[in-house]
Each structure stands twice: as structure tokens, then as C-alpha cells.
Amino acid sequence: MNTAVEAAANPFVGSTAGFATKDDWRPLFASYSVIVLVANSDEVDIDALCASLPADTLFVFFNKVYKVLDRPFHGNALLVIRSGTGGPNILTRGSADHVVGYFPSARFLGIMCVRASPVEKVTPATAFGSVPTGHLDLAEYFVDLYPSDHLPSSGFALAVWLCELDIDRRIVLAGFSAKRSQRWKIFDVHDWTFEQVVQRLLLQSGRLSIANALTPHSYAAVTKRFPDISAADISLAAAAILSERLENVNEEIDKLVSATSLNRSVEKFIRGLKPIETFLRRLRRRTSTKS
């Protein structure tokens, strides 16, 4: 076990019986100068990330770490696993040992099992075997904040929670772009637009920082050139333009759906023939066997 954990209130102790509190987790996170949350994104360069941060940085990974790691990681690490509505994904798929195997070093703290909605199950620490496991229950934390028809992503949930943990440490986001790639998809169960807006606001307020420096604000030059135009006016104008452009996109999507309706009908008809084809094939086999 990492000495930083031993010196602090240990959130992994006794976690089989319930959830660790803020006071349990605070000393652990406060024992590192930087906490970097590493999203499962193609945009993450682990080597460059490690080189840009101090040695006492805590790297927080999420679920399927093989999306960003191609070899064992030997730095200070914490693995965040989502309880989920059907249980942790790495448990239901039987990949827990594979995922934990990326952290062979003694600097691996263990697993933080996060529940971010009342609909998610409570997963006992014993489900992860001998791996030190602590729990964080955020089921009520986002009730009055997050859109009720979606569930917060694990990275967003932890980032917001850390911002309010009062640890006075730098919190860095790596790969939090919410972009789909050719290798990895994003899930519609999360409200990515809402998360990106809140994330940007927390970045601008200084509560979070980002591993890859943001480009200058697109409209900063406008306020500099035209100081009589307020930021509020720019926001309203941008929102109106975005709304118009989205409406135009929706109209084009509607045309595309209409134009492809025949293709979809033909595909549906062909799929309907497959059971008949299978039946006839089996019938021919039986007939040839009897003959």
C-alpha cells in the first residue's frame, strides 16, 4: 500500500460494509500535488502526460484502461470503476484481472467504486477480490444538478466532486473531449453537451485545468476589438446562430432519412426472408437424408 494512503484516513478500510465519506477520501487526494483524470480517449498520450507532470502526481484511470495504456503503468494510480445499473462492466465481462493487471506497482492504490445514480447497484468490495477497494456514493450528489433523463459519466462525476472536495490541489483533465473515435464510441446515456458546458465553466473559473492547453477563446478578440459589445451579447448572438445552424442540420437529416426510406424497406424485407431461407435449407437437408 502507498505510504500516502497509510498516513491518511484510509478510505479502503472497512469499505465492504458501506461508503467512504468525503473526510475519508480528502486526505488521500490531498497527499498528491496534482490529480490528473485520464479519460479513455485516443487523444491521451500517456508518455507525454507523465513527462509534463511532477513525480507526485496521482493518475486516475477509468474502467477499461487498455483504451489508453498499451503496457503496465508504474506511477501513482487509482482505478475508478463504475457500479452501473447492471454491475461493474469489468466484472460482468470477466475482465477485472486483465484491467488491474495494468497496475503491477506498489504505487497502485486500488479501486474506487463509484455509484453516481440511485438506479445503480451497490457493488461490495469483495467482488474485486484482494484488490483494495473503496466506495464513493454520488447517487444523491447529482440529483439537483445533472439532467434527470441521463446519467453522469464517471469522469465528469469525479471531476465535479473533486472541485468541491476543498483539497487545494491542481486537478487536470486529460482527453475529456467527448469525441467519438474510429476505435472507441461514446454512450448516449450521458449528456455530453451538458458535461462539456459545465467542464468549460469550471476550466474558466480555474477550478480545473486541462492537459492540452486550450486555444484562445474564439470571441476574446471580438471583445478586445469592440469593447462596447458585452460578453452577454456575444453569448446570446452565438446561441441564436447555433440554434439556427442546428435547425438547418435537422432539416437535412430529415431529408436524408426520407431519401433512404426505400433502402431501409428493402433491407427489412431481405432480413424477413432469411428465416424462410433457413427453413427451406433445413427442409432440403431432411428430404435428401430420407431419400
Protein backbone atom coordinates (compact mmCIF):
# COMPACT_ATOMS: atom_id res chain seq x y z
CA MET A 1 0.00 0.00 0.00
CA ASN A 2 1.21 3.51 -0.83
CA THR A 3 2.66 5.32 2.21
CA ALA A 4 0.49 8.35 1.41
CA VAL A 5 -2.57 6.19 1.97
CA GLU A 6 -1.22 4.69 5.19
CA ALA A 7 -0.53 8.16 6.58
CA ALA A 8 -4.07 9.36 5.88
CA ALA A 9 -7.54 8.25 6.84
CA ASN A 10 -7.80 5.18 4.67
CA PRO A 11 -11.00 5.06 2.58
CA PHE A 12 -10.21 1.46 1.64
CA VAL A 13 -10.52 0.23 5.23
CA GLY A 14 -13.90 -1.21 6.12
CA SER A 15 -15.37 -0.30 2.72
CA THR A 16 -17.06 -3.70 2.41
CA ALA A 17 -19.75 -2.51 4.78
CA GLY A 18 -20.54 0.85 3.23
CA PHE A 19 -19.39 4.00 1.50
CA ALA A 20 -16.37 6.10 2.43
CA THR A 21 -17.12 9.76 3.17
CA LYS A 22 -15.57 12.96 1.88
CA ASP A 23 -13.47 13.10 5.02
CA ASP A 24 -12.20 9.59 4.27
CA TRP A 25 -11.17 10.43 0.70
CA ARG A 26 -9.92 14.01 1.24
CA PRO A 27 -6.55 13.15 2.90
CA LEU A 28 -5.75 10.64 0.17
CA PHE A 29 -6.22 13.12 -2.69
CA ALA A 30 -4.62 15.95 -0.71
CA SER A 31 -1.43 13.90 -0.34
CA TYR A 32 -0.61 14.49 -4.02
CA SER A 33 0.34 17.81 -5.60
CA VAL A 34 -1.59 17.12 -8.82
CA ILE A 35 -4.53 14.85 -9.61
CA VAL A 36 -4.93 14.04 -13.29
CA LEU A 37 -8.07 12.34 -14.55
CA VAL A 38 -7.23 10.26 -17.62
CA ALA A 39 -10.18 9.73 -19.95
CA ASN A 40 -10.34 6.69 -22.24
CA SER A 41 -9.61 8.72 -25.35
CA ASP A 42 -7.36 8.47 -28.40
CA GLU A 43 -6.24 12.00 -27.57
CA VAL A 44 -4.34 10.84 -24.47
CA ASP A 45 -0.56 10.45 -24.79
CA ILE A 46 0.48 8.79 -21.52
CA ASP A 47 4.22 9.28 -22.04
CA ALA A 48 3.83 12.99 -22.79
CA LEU A 49 1.40 13.36 -19.89
CA CYS A 50 3.81 11.76 -17.41
CA ALA A 51 6.68 13.92 -18.67
CA SER A 52 4.66 17.13 -18.21
CA LEU A 53 3.59 16.48 -14.60
CA PRO A 54 5.51 16.22 -11.29
CA ALA A 55 6.54 12.86 -9.85
CA ASP A 56 3.99 13.07 -7.02
CA THR A 57 1.04 13.26 -9.42
CA LEU A 58 -1.85 10.87 -8.87
CA PHE A 59 -3.13 9.39 -12.14
CA VAL A 60 -6.80 8.43 -12.01
CA PHE A 61 -7.87 5.93 -14.67
CA PHE A 62 -11.36 4.71 -15.54
CA ASN A 63 -12.73 1.23 -16.21
CA LYS A 64 -11.26 -0.16 -19.47
CA VAL A 65 -7.75 1.27 -19.12
CA TYR A 66 -6.44 -0.71 -22.10
CA LYS A 67 -8.01 2.03 -24.22
CA VAL A 68 -5.19 4.36 -23.17
CA LEU A 69 -2.50 2.01 -21.82
CA ASP A 70 -0.54 -0.37 -24.01
CA ARG A 71 1.77 -1.54 -21.22
CA PRO A 72 1.84 -1.66 -17.40
CA PHE A 73 1.70 1.70 -15.63
CA HIS A 74 4.10 2.18 -12.71
CA GLY A 75 3.16 5.66 -11.47
CA ASN A 76 0.83 6.65 -8.63
CA ALA A 77 -2.51 5.31 -9.82
CA LEU A 78 -6.12 4.92 -8.75
CA LEU A 79 -8.60 2.92 -10.82
CA VAL A 80 -12.18 4.22 -10.86
CA ILE A 81 -14.82 1.61 -11.60
CA ARG A 82 -18.48 2.47 -12.17
CA SER A 83 -21.06 0.41 -10.26
CA GLY A 84 -23.51 0.69 -13.15
CA THR A 85 -27.14 -0.41 -13.35
CA GLY A 86 -26.14 -4.00 -14.07
CA GLY A 87 -22.97 -4.08 -12.02
CA PRO A 88 -19.41 -3.00 -12.96
CA ASN A 89 -18.70 -3.67 -16.61
CA ILE A 90 -15.30 -5.23 -15.98
CA LEU A 91 -16.94 -7.74 -13.62
CA THR A 92 -19.82 -8.71 -15.87
CA ARG A 93 -17.39 -9.18 -18.75
CA GLY A 94 -14.86 -11.02 -16.63
CA SER A 95 -12.05 -8.59 -17.43
CA ALA A 96 -11.26 -7.33 -13.92
CA ASP A 97 -7.98 -9.23 -13.60
CA HIS A 98 -6.93 -8.03 -17.05
CA VAL A 99 -7.63 -4.39 -16.20
CA VAL A 100 -6.00 -4.48 -12.76
CA GLY A 101 -3.01 -6.20 -14.35
CA TYR A 102 -2.00 -2.87 -15.90
CA PHE A 103 -1.04 -1.66 -12.40
CA PRO A 104 1.62 -4.04 -11.01
CA SER A 105 3.43 -1.37 -9.00
CA ALA A 106 3.16 -0.85 -5.23
CA ARG A 107 2.17 2.72 -6.13
CA PHE A 108 -1.22 1.43 -7.27
CA LEU A 109 -3.69 2.49 -4.56
CA GLY A 110 -6.55 0.26 -5.58
CA ILE A 111 -10.10 0.66 -6.86
CA MET A 112 -12.58 3.45 -6.20
CA CYS A 113 -16.03 2.06 -6.97
CA VAL A 114 -18.33 4.95 -7.87
CA ARG A 115 -22.12 4.99 -7.80
CA ALA A 116 -23.45 8.13 -9.47
CA SER A 117 -27.19 7.49 -9.62
CA PRO A 118 -29.85 5.88 -7.40
CA VAL A 119 -30.58 3.37 -10.21
CA GLU A 120 -27.07 1.94 -9.94
CA LYS A 121 -26.25 -1.10 -7.87
CA VAL A 122 -24.11 -1.16 -4.75
CA THR A 123 -21.12 -3.38 -5.51
CA PRO A 124 -19.39 -4.92 -2.47
CA ALA A 125 -15.61 -4.64 -2.24
CA THR A 126 -15.39 -8.42 -2.04
CA ALA A 127 -16.42 -8.55 -5.72
CA PHE A 128 -12.94 -7.28 -6.61
CA GLY A 129 -11.13 -9.99 -4.69
CA SER A 130 -7.91 -8.98 -2.95
CA VAL A 131 -7.65 -5.58 -4.66
CA PRO A 132 -8.06 -2.72 -2.09
CA THR A 133 -11.45 -1.22 -2.89
CA GLY A 134 -13.15 1.89 -1.54
CA HIS A 135 -16.61 3.24 -2.37
CA LEU A 136 -17.90 6.67 -3.31
CA ASP A 137 -21.65 7.17 -3.35
CA LEU A 138 -22.72 10.11 -5.51
CA ALA A 139 -26.27 8.83 -6.04
CA GLU A 140 -27.81 11.95 -4.47
CA TYR A 141 -24.98 14.30 -5.37
CA PHE A 142 -26.18 14.97 -8.93
CA VAL A 143 -29.95 14.83 -8.37
CA ASP A 144 -30.32 18.62 -8.45
CA LEU A 145 -27.51 19.25 -10.94
CA TYR A 146 -27.47 16.73 -13.77
CA PRO A 147 -30.25 16.36 -16.41
CA SER A 148 -32.68 13.78 -14.99
CA ASP A 149 -33.03 11.82 -18.26
CA HIS A 150 -29.30 10.99 -18.40
CA LEU A 151 -26.59 9.63 -16.11
CA PRO A 152 -23.32 11.48 -15.44
CA SER A 153 -20.20 9.89 -16.87
CA SER A 154 -17.65 8.63 -14.35
CA GLY A 155 -15.02 11.20 -15.34
CA PHE A 156 -17.41 14.13 -15.14
CA ALA A 157 -18.82 12.93 -11.81
CA LEU A 158 -15.40 12.62 -10.22
CA ALA A 159 -14.12 15.92 -11.66
CA VAL A 160 -17.05 17.91 -10.25
CA TRP A 161 -16.84 16.11 -6.91
CA LEU A 162 -13.10 16.83 -6.63
CA CYS A 163 -13.72 20.52 -7.38
CA GLU A 164 -15.88 20.66 -4.25
CA LEU A 165 -13.65 18.49 -2.08
CA ASP A 166 -11.62 21.50 -0.84
CA ILE A 167 -8.20 19.92 -1.21
CA ASP A 168 -6.42 22.93 -2.74
CA ARG A 169 -4.70 20.78 -5.34
CA ARG A 170 -4.41 21.14 -9.09
CA ILE A 171 -6.97 18.95 -10.88
CA VAL A 172 -6.08 18.20 -14.51
CA LEU A 173 -8.30 16.69 -17.20
CA ALA A 174 -6.67 14.62 -19.95
CA GLY A 175 -8.64 13.57 -23.02
CA PHE A 176 -12.01 14.89 -21.84
CA SER A 177 -13.20 15.86 -25.32
CA ALA A 178 -16.36 13.67 -25.54
CA LYS A 179 -15.42 12.93 -29.16
CA ARG A 180 -16.18 9.63 -30.80
CA SER A 181 -13.21 8.00 -32.49
CA GLN A 182 -12.88 5.21 -35.03
CA ARG A 183 -11.79 2.88 -32.21
CA TRP A 184 -14.00 3.91 -29.30
CA LYS A 185 -17.59 5.06 -29.13
CA ILE A 186 -19.31 7.35 -26.65
CA PHE A 187 -22.55 6.42 -24.93
CA ASP A 188 -25.82 8.34 -25.29
CA VAL A 189 -26.73 7.57 -21.68
CA HIS A 190 -24.57 10.58 -20.74
CA ASP A 191 -25.47 14.18 -21.60
CA TRP A 192 -22.17 15.10 -23.27
CA THR A 193 -23.27 18.63 -24.19
CA PHE A 194 -24.18 19.44 -20.58
CA GLU A 195 -20.91 17.91 -19.34
CA GLN A 196 -18.80 19.86 -21.81
CA VAL A 197 -20.53 23.14 -20.85
CA VAL A 198 -20.00 22.58 -17.12
CA GLN A 199 -16.45 21.41 -17.74
CA ARG A 200 -15.68 24.57 -19.73
CA LEU A 201 -17.15 26.75 -16.98
CA LEU A 202 -15.02 25.02 -14.33
CA LEU A 203 -11.95 25.44 -16.53
CA GLN A 204 -12.63 29.14 -16.99
CA SER A 205 -13.16 29.58 -13.24
CA GLY A 206 -9.79 27.97 -12.52
CA ARG A 207 -11.25 25.02 -10.60
CA LEU A 208 -9.97 22.63 -13.28
CA SER A 209 -7.12 22.71 -15.77
CA ILE A 210 -6.59 20.75 -18.93
CA ALA A 211 -3.58 18.72 -20.03
CA ASN A 212 -3.58 20.10 -23.57
CA ALA A 213 -3.75 23.88 -23.37
CA LEU A 214 -6.94 25.34 -24.73
CA THR A 215 -6.72 27.58 -27.75
CA PRO A 216 -7.60 31.23 -27.02
CA HIS A 217 -11.31 31.84 -26.68
CA SER A 218 -12.76 32.29 -30.15
CA TYR A 219 -14.52 35.54 -29.25
CA ALA A 220 -11.88 37.07 -27.00
CA ALA A 221 -10.55 39.09 -29.94
CA VAL A 222 -14.06 40.42 -30.62
CA THR A 223 -14.43 41.90 -27.13
CA LYS A 224 -10.94 43.36 -27.42
CA ARG A 225 -11.66 44.97 -30.78
CA PHE A 226 -15.20 46.08 -29.86
CA PRO A 227 -15.15 46.79 -26.08
CA ASP A 228 -18.69 48.20 -26.23
CA ILE A 229 -20.04 44.71 -27.03
CA SER A 230 -20.54 42.76 -23.82
CA ALA A 231 -19.82 39.07 -23.27
CA ALA A 232 -23.54 38.53 -22.64
CA ASP A 233 -24.41 39.99 -26.06
CA ILE A 234 -21.84 37.72 -27.70
CA SER A 235 -23.25 34.68 -25.87
CA LEU A 236 -26.82 35.47 -26.98
CA ALA A 237 -25.74 36.02 -30.59
CA ALA A 238 -23.70 32.78 -30.61
CA ALA A 239 -26.61 30.82 -29.10
CA ALA A 240 -29.01 32.18 -31.75
CA ILE A 241 -26.63 31.28 -34.58
CA LEU A 242 -26.01 27.80 -33.18
CA SER A 243 -29.76 27.24 -32.86
CA GLU A 244 -30.30 28.26 -36.49
CA ARG A 245 -27.46 26.04 -37.71
CA LEU A 246 -28.78 23.08 -35.70
CA GLU A 247 -32.23 23.57 -37.19
CA ASN A 248 -30.69 23.56 -40.67
CA VAL A 249 -28.84 20.34 -39.85
CA ASN A 250 -32.05 18.75 -38.59
CA GLU A 251 -33.80 19.62 -41.85
CA GLU A 252 -31.00 17.97 -43.85
CA ILE A 253 -31.12 14.89 -41.62
CA ASP A 254 -34.87 14.65 -42.19
CA LYS A 255 -34.28 14.78 -45.96
CA LEU A 256 -31.63 12.07 -45.66
CA VAL A 257 -33.96 9.82 -43.66
CA SER A 258 -36.70 10.29 -46.27
CA ALA A 259 -34.30 9.63 -49.15
CA THR A 260 -33.10 6.35 -47.63
CA SER A 261 -36.53 5.03 -46.65
CA LEU A 262 -36.71 2.77 -49.74
CA ASN A 263 -33.30 1.27 -48.98
CA ARG A 264 -34.33 0.57 -45.41
CA SER A 265 -37.60 -1.05 -46.56
CA VAL A 266 -35.71 -3.32 -48.96
CA GLU A 267 -33.21 -4.23 -46.23
CA LYS A 268 -36.04 -5.02 -43.83
CA PHE A 269 -37.73 -7.20 -46.49
CA ILE A 270 -34.49 -9.12 -47.16
CA ARG A 271 -33.96 -9.71 -43.45
CA GLY A 272 -37.51 -11.07 -43.27
CA LEU A 273 -36.65 -13.62 -45.95
CA LYS A 274 -33.74 -15.08 -44.01
CA PRO A 275 -35.88 -17.21 -41.64
CA ILE A 276 -37.73 -18.60 -44.68
CA GLU A 277 -34.43 -19.33 -46.42
CA THR A 278 -33.15 -21.12 -43.31
CA PHE A 279 -36.36 -23.15 -43.09
CA LEU A 280 -36.13 -24.22 -46.75
CA ARG A 281 -32.47 -25.19 -46.35
CA ARG A 282 -33.28 -27.40 -43.39
CA LEU A 283 -36.22 -28.91 -45.25
CA ARG A 284 -33.99 -29.79 -48.22
CA ARG A 285 -31.48 -31.43 -45.88
CA ARG A 286 -34.18 -33.57 -44.28
CA THR A 287 -35.58 -34.57 -47.70
CA SER A 288 -32.13 -35.53 -49.04
CA THR A 289 -31.44 -37.56 -45.86
CA LYS A 290 -34.67 -39.57 -46.18
CA SER A 291 -34.01 -40.24 -49.85
